[in-house]
């Protein structure tokens, strides 16, 4: 069934129905969003999808609310918001509509559900506070989207409707960018895994361009790798590899003698013509050519082995 209407509640808006609207409007671009609590709108019918309003969850009837007694729970007992329910039933179709390869849909769907959808569900249900983000609490996506609501004494009766659609456009950008990033990581993973195979026992992994590499390195079990090199615009880059997903500790730091140096000073410190820059934190360096960056990488490997 292709709906004519996408029905959600009127009044103030939140991240869950905004993000649900992003998914549904991608799948049903001709459907009109109606924000209402009127019974004639929030009663299921054969021309509508109802979400975050209506007091029922019945996928067959195309109503996806979570505010009622006996509200739907995930298999682990955590609560759904309307976004979680819409993602459960329409997320895979949404990913297919973005052009994601069929082989990646289930992986991205599940990973996105855990990393992005679940926190929205928990916050909307009061099961998690933005305060867990500490000083960054006011910068969480649900809080930022709600700041787009008109102030309480805005006299224009149409201001809230305009604000909803403005917030919807912003929510769409965040959701689409997050999905695109997830898809790109899977594409990168295939490239990195091949490069790891090609590298053999080398401690340095050379990639054809900058890309996410940590998950593939971890998945491959290539614990011998210490550094990654790749071209970058007009120069070449040398970076360390983090020991774990959390924290910034590297498997090996770049040499202490290089820290904070540039150009001639760095060339003198490392003895490599074309050396251009080393961050003071010793996690990234740059050089003017592939030959120079590989020479720097080899020096960094030798020092890491000698001091490790």
Protein backbone atom coordinates (compact mmCIF):
# COMPACT_ATOMS: atom_id res chain seq x y z
CA UNK A 1 0.00 0.00 0.00
CA UNK A 2 1.26 3.46 -0.91
CA UNK A 3 -0.17 5.95 1.60
CA UNK A 4 -1.60 9.33 0.75
CA UNK A 5 -0.95 10.64 4.25
CA UNK A 6 1.72 10.34 6.92
CA UNK A 7 0.06 11.18 10.22
CA UNK A 8 1.90 12.29 13.34
CA UNK A 9 0.88 14.46 16.27
CA UNK A 10 0.47 18.21 16.28
CA UNK A 11 2.08 20.54 18.81
CA UNK A 12 5.68 20.42 19.89
CA UNK A 13 7.96 18.07 17.98
CA UNK A 14 10.71 15.69 19.01
CA UNK A 15 13.50 13.74 17.38
CA UNK A 16 11.55 10.49 17.14
CA UNK A 17 8.73 11.63 14.87
CA UNK A 18 11.06 13.92 12.90
CA UNK A 19 13.40 11.03 12.11
CA UNK A 20 10.45 8.73 11.43
CA UNK A 21 9.22 11.34 8.96
CA UNK A 22 12.61 11.33 7.24
CA UNK A 23 12.36 7.59 6.61
CA UNK A 24 8.73 7.63 5.52
CA UNK A 25 8.99 10.63 3.21
CA UNK A 26 11.93 8.99 1.42
CA UNK A 27 9.83 5.90 0.80
CA UNK A 28 6.57 7.72 0.07
CA UNK A 29 7.55 11.11 -1.37
CA UNK A 30 4.05 11.90 -2.65
CA UNK A 31 2.40 11.36 0.73
CA UNK A 32 1.46 14.48 2.70
CA UNK A 33 2.51 14.86 6.32
CA UNK A 34 -0.46 15.75 8.51
CA UNK A 35 0.22 16.80 12.09
CA UNK A 36 -2.97 16.28 14.06
CA UNK A 37 -4.53 14.66 17.10
CA UNK A 38 -8.05 14.75 15.62
CA UNK A 39 -9.78 11.35 15.77
CA UNK A 40 -10.58 11.40 12.07
CA UNK A 41 -6.87 11.56 11.32
CA UNK A 42 -5.37 9.27 13.96
CA UNK A 43 -7.78 6.41 13.29
CA UNK A 44 -6.19 3.75 11.03
CA UNK A 45 -7.30 3.70 7.41
CA UNK A 46 -6.18 2.27 4.11
CA UNK A 47 -4.64 5.55 2.94
CA UNK A 48 -2.34 6.43 5.84
CA UNK A 49 0.55 5.55 8.12
CA UNK A 50 0.17 6.82 11.69
CA UNK A 51 3.16 7.23 14.00
CA UNK A 52 3.90 8.65 17.44
CA UNK A 53 0.19 9.18 18.01
CA UNK A 54 -3.00 7.11 18.09
CA UNK A 55 -2.48 4.99 21.20
CA UNK A 56 -1.73 1.68 19.46
CA UNK A 57 1.00 -0.34 17.80
CA UNK A 58 -0.30 -2.53 15.01
CA UNK A 59 1.99 -2.92 12.03
CA UNK A 60 -0.77 -4.53 9.96
CA UNK A 61 -3.00 -1.50 10.56
CA UNK A 62 -0.03 0.83 9.91
CA UNK A 63 -0.14 2.54 13.29
CA UNK A 64 3.10 2.92 15.26
CA UNK A 65 2.61 4.58 18.64
CA UNK A 66 4.47 3.87 21.88
CA UNK A 67 2.72 5.99 24.50
CA UNK A 68 -0.02 3.53 25.45
CA UNK A 69 -0.13 0.94 28.24
CA UNK A 70 1.57 -2.21 27.08
CA UNK A 71 3.79 -0.18 24.76
CA UNK A 72 6.12 -2.25 22.57
CA UNK A 73 9.50 -3.29 23.90
CA UNK A 74 12.60 -4.60 22.21
CA UNK A 75 13.66 -8.16 22.78
CA UNK A 76 15.95 -7.04 25.61
CA UNK A 77 13.15 -5.09 27.30
CA UNK A 78 14.23 -1.63 26.24
CA UNK A 79 11.45 0.67 24.99
CA UNK A 80 10.76 1.68 21.43
CA UNK A 81 9.89 5.19 20.34
CA UNK A 82 8.07 5.76 17.08
CA UNK A 83 11.44 6.01 15.36
CA UNK A 84 12.48 2.57 16.56
CA UNK A 85 9.20 1.09 15.34
CA UNK A 86 9.40 2.80 11.96
CA UNK A 87 13.04 1.71 11.60
CA UNK A 88 12.12 -1.86 12.52
CA UNK A 89 9.45 -2.06 9.81
CA UNK A 90 10.73 0.34 7.15
CA UNK A 91 14.46 0.73 7.77
CA UNK A 92 15.56 -1.97 5.36
CA UNK A 93 13.39 -0.53 2.58
CA UNK A 94 14.83 2.90 3.35
CA UNK A 95 18.38 1.59 3.03
CA UNK A 96 17.54 -0.09 -0.25
CA UNK A 97 16.08 3.20 -1.49
CA UNK A 98 19.39 4.94 -0.75
CA UNK A 99 21.13 2.55 -3.15
CA UNK A 100 22.89 0.49 -0.48
CA UNK A 101 23.91 -2.93 -1.90
CA UNK A 102 21.66 -5.78 -0.79
CA UNK A 103 24.62 -7.54 0.82
CA UNK A 104 25.15 -4.59 3.20
CA UNK A 105 21.55 -3.83 4.16
CA UNK A 106 21.23 -6.13 7.17
CA UNK A 107 24.62 -5.11 8.56
CA UNK A 108 23.92 -1.39 8.27
CA UNK A 109 20.34 -1.78 9.51
CA UNK A 110 21.39 -3.52 12.70
CA UNK A 111 24.42 -1.33 13.36
CA UNK A 112 22.42 1.86 12.83
CA UNK A 113 19.66 0.57 15.07
CA UNK A 114 22.14 0.08 17.90
CA UNK A 115 24.23 3.22 17.47
CA UNK A 116 21.64 5.80 16.35
CA UNK A 117 18.05 4.60 16.70
CA UNK A 118 18.23 3.07 20.19
CA UNK A 119 19.58 6.22 21.88
CA UNK A 120 16.73 8.22 20.32
CA UNK A 121 14.26 5.62 21.62
CA UNK A 122 15.71 5.70 25.12
CA UNK A 123 15.82 9.48 25.37
CA UNK A 124 12.27 9.88 24.04
CA UNK A 125 10.99 7.44 26.66
CA UNK A 126 12.91 9.02 29.52
CA UNK A 127 14.99 5.85 29.89
CA UNK A 128 18.19 7.81 29.25
CA UNK A 129 18.92 11.45 29.97
CA UNK A 130 20.91 13.75 27.72
CA UNK A 131 22.90 14.43 30.89
CA UNK A 132 24.87 11.23 30.26
CA UNK A 133 26.70 13.29 27.63
CA UNK A 134 28.02 15.55 30.37
CA UNK A 135 29.00 19.03 29.17
CA UNK A 136 27.91 18.04 25.66
CA UNK A 137 24.32 17.29 26.75
CA UNK A 138 22.93 20.40 25.06
CA UNK A 139 24.61 19.33 21.81
CA UNK A 140 22.95 15.92 21.48
CA UNK A 141 20.80 15.57 18.36
CA UNK A 142 17.42 15.29 20.15
CA UNK A 143 18.12 18.42 22.18
CA UNK A 144 19.36 20.38 19.17
CA UNK A 145 16.29 19.45 17.11
CA UNK A 146 13.98 20.59 19.90
CA UNK A 147 15.73 23.95 20.12
CA UNK A 148 14.28 24.64 16.67
CA UNK A 149 10.78 24.91 18.13
CA UNK A 150 9.37 28.44 18.36
CA UNK A 151 9.63 30.21 21.70
CA UNK A 152 6.61 29.92 23.98
CA UNK A 153 5.25 33.40 23.23
CA UNK A 154 5.61 33.29 19.44
CA UNK A 155 2.36 34.91 18.22
CA UNK A 156 2.31 33.43 14.71
CA UNK A 157 0.02 30.36 14.72
CA UNK A 158 1.86 28.93 11.71
CA UNK A 159 5.31 29.22 13.29
CA UNK A 160 5.25 25.73 14.78
CA UNK A 161 4.35 24.09 11.48
CA UNK A 162 7.12 25.97 9.69
CA UNK A 163 9.57 25.03 12.45
CA UNK A 164 8.63 21.35 12.15
CA UNK A 165 9.44 21.29 8.44
CA UNK A 166 12.65 23.25 8.95
CA UNK A 167 13.69 20.76 11.64
CA UNK A 168 12.68 17.90 9.35
CA UNK A 169 15.12 19.11 6.69
CA UNK A 170 17.93 19.22 9.25
CA UNK A 171 17.03 15.81 10.69
CA UNK A 172 17.10 14.44 7.14
CA UNK A 173 20.65 15.70 6.64
CA UNK A 174 21.87 14.05 9.84
CA UNK A 175 20.19 10.72 9.14
CA UNK A 176 21.28 10.56 5.52
CA UNK A 177 24.85 11.55 6.40
CA UNK A 178 25.01 8.91 9.12
CA UNK A 179 23.74 6.22 6.77
CA UNK A 180 26.18 7.34 4.07
CA UNK A 181 29.03 7.11 6.58
CA UNK A 182 28.01 3.58 7.58
CA UNK A 183 27.83 2.52 3.93
CA UNK A 184 31.21 4.11 3.22
CA UNK A 185 32.81 2.23 6.12
CA UNK A 186 31.70 -1.06 4.59
CA UNK A 187 33.09 -0.07 1.20
CA UNK A 188 36.33 0.96 2.87
CA UNK A 189 36.48 -2.29 4.79
CA UNK A 190 36.67 -4.31 1.58
CA UNK A 191 39.52 -2.13 0.29
CA UNK A 192 41.43 -2.23 3.58
CA UNK A 193 41.13 -6.00 3.96
CA UNK A 194 42.61 -6.47 0.48
CA UNK A 195 45.42 -4.03 1.30
CA UNK A 196 46.17 -5.96 4.49
CA UNK A 197 46.49 -9.16 2.47
CA UNK A 198 48.76 -7.40 -0.02
CA UNK A 199 50.91 -5.96 2.80
CA UNK A 200 51.79 -9.40 4.15
CA UNK A 201 54.11 -9.13 7.18
CA UNK A 202 54.86 -5.43 6.69
CA UNK A 203 54.28 -3.23 9.72
CA UNK A 204 53.04 -0.48 7.40
CA UNK A 205 49.68 -0.61 5.61
CA UNK A 206 49.49 1.39 2.40
CA UNK A 207 46.04 2.49 1.25
CA UNK A 208 45.07 4.09 -2.07
CA UNK A 209 43.43 7.06 -0.32
CA UNK A 210 42.33 8.22 3.09
CA UNK A 211 39.49 6.07 4.45
CA UNK A 212 38.23 4.47 7.68
CA UNK A 213 40.56 1.55 8.41
CA UNK A 214 40.38 0.65 12.09
CA UNK A 215 37.44 -1.77 11.96
CA UNK A 216 38.99 -3.73 9.10
CA UNK A 217 42.37 -3.87 10.85
CA UNK A 218 40.67 -5.19 13.99
CA UNK A 219 38.54 -7.65 12.05
CA UNK A 220 41.55 -9.00 10.17
CA UNK A 221 43.51 -9.64 13.35
CA UNK A 222 46.50 -7.85 11.81
CA UNK A 223 48.04 -7.01 15.18
CA UNK A 224 51.48 -6.60 13.59
CA UNK A 225 50.48 -3.41 11.78
CA UNK A 226 51.75 -0.21 13.39
CA UNK A 227 51.18 2.56 10.85
CA UNK A 228 49.08 3.47 7.81
CA UNK A 229 50.16 5.58 4.84
CA UNK A 230 48.03 7.04 2.06
CA UNK A 231 47.98 9.92 -0.42
CA UNK A 232 46.20 13.10 0.65
CA UNK A 233 45.49 15.91 -1.82
CA UNK A 234 48.98 17.24 -2.58
CA UNK A 235 51.00 15.21 -0.09
CA UNK A 236 51.15 11.85 1.70
CA UNK A 237 50.03 11.01 5.19
CA UNK A 238 51.43 8.69 7.91
CA UNK A 239 49.15 7.84 10.84
CA UNK A 240 49.22 5.62 13.88
CA UNK A 241 46.67 2.91 14.64
CA UNK A 242 44.66 3.10 17.85
CA UNK A 243 44.89 0.13 20.19
CA UNK A 244 41.13 0.10 20.84
CA UNK A 245 37.92 1.75 19.70
CA UNK A 246 37.83 3.71 22.96
CA UNK A 247 40.63 6.09 23.83
CA UNK A 248 43.50 7.46 21.80
CA UNK A 249 46.41 5.21 22.78
CA UNK A 250 48.29 4.08 19.68
CA UNK A 251 49.99 0.80 18.92
CA UNK A 252 53.08 2.93 18.31
CA UNK A 253 53.75 6.67 18.45
CA UNK A 254 55.79 8.50 15.87
CA UNK A 255 59.33 9.33 17.05
CA UNK A 256 59.52 11.88 19.85
CA UNK A 257 62.28 13.76 18.00
CA UNK A 258 59.78 14.63 15.23
CA UNK A 259 57.07 16.09 17.45
CA UNK A 260 55.84 19.50 16.36
CA UNK A 261 58.43 19.94 13.61
CA UNK A 262 57.84 21.06 10.01
CA UNK A 263 59.73 21.24 6.72
CA UNK A 264 63.48 21.79 7.07
CA UNK A 265 63.45 21.18 10.81
CA UNK A 266 61.65 17.86 10.34
CA UNK A 267 63.91 16.90 7.42
CA UNK A 268 66.91 17.47 9.68
CA UNK A 269 65.39 15.49 12.54
CA UNK A 270 64.45 12.43 10.49
CA UNK A 271 66.92 12.65 7.64
CA UNK A 272 64.22 12.32 4.99
CA UNK A 273 64.07 14.84 2.17
CA UNK A 274 60.48 15.91 1.62
CA UNK A 275 59.32 15.41 5.21
CA UNK A 276 56.76 18.14 5.84
CA UNK A 277 55.01 17.92 9.20
CA UNK A 278 54.63 15.91 12.38
CA UNK A 279 51.88 16.65 14.86
CA UNK A 280 53.00 17.43 18.38
CA UNK A 281 50.81 14.53 19.53
CA UNK A 282 52.89 12.15 17.36
CA UNK A 283 49.90 10.44 15.78
CA UNK A 284 50.11 11.89 12.27
CA UNK A 285 52.82 13.14 9.91
CA UNK A 286 52.99 14.25 6.29
CA UNK A 287 55.51 14.27 3.48
CA UNK A 288 55.67 15.56 -0.08
CA UNK A 289 56.01 12.19 -1.83
CA UNK A 290 55.27 8.49 -1.47
CA UNK A 291 58.96 7.71 -1.23
CA UNK A 292 59.41 10.21 1.61
CA UNK A 293 56.42 8.99 3.59
CA UNK A 294 57.46 5.34 3.26
CA UNK A 295 60.95 6.27 4.45
CA UNK A 296 59.48 8.05 7.46
CA UNK A 297 57.21 5.07 8.14
CA UNK A 298 60.18 2.70 8.11
CA UNK A 299 62.07 4.92 10.57
CA UNK A 300 59.01 5.07 12.82
CA UNK A 301 58.70 1.26 12.72
CA UNK A 302 62.38 0.81 13.61
CA UNK A 303 62.10 3.14 16.60
CA UNK A 304 58.84 1.52 17.76
CA UNK A 305 60.46 -1.93 17.68
CA UNK A 306 63.60 -0.69 19.40
CA UNK A 307 61.70 1.03 22.22
CA UNK A 308 58.79 -1.38 22.44
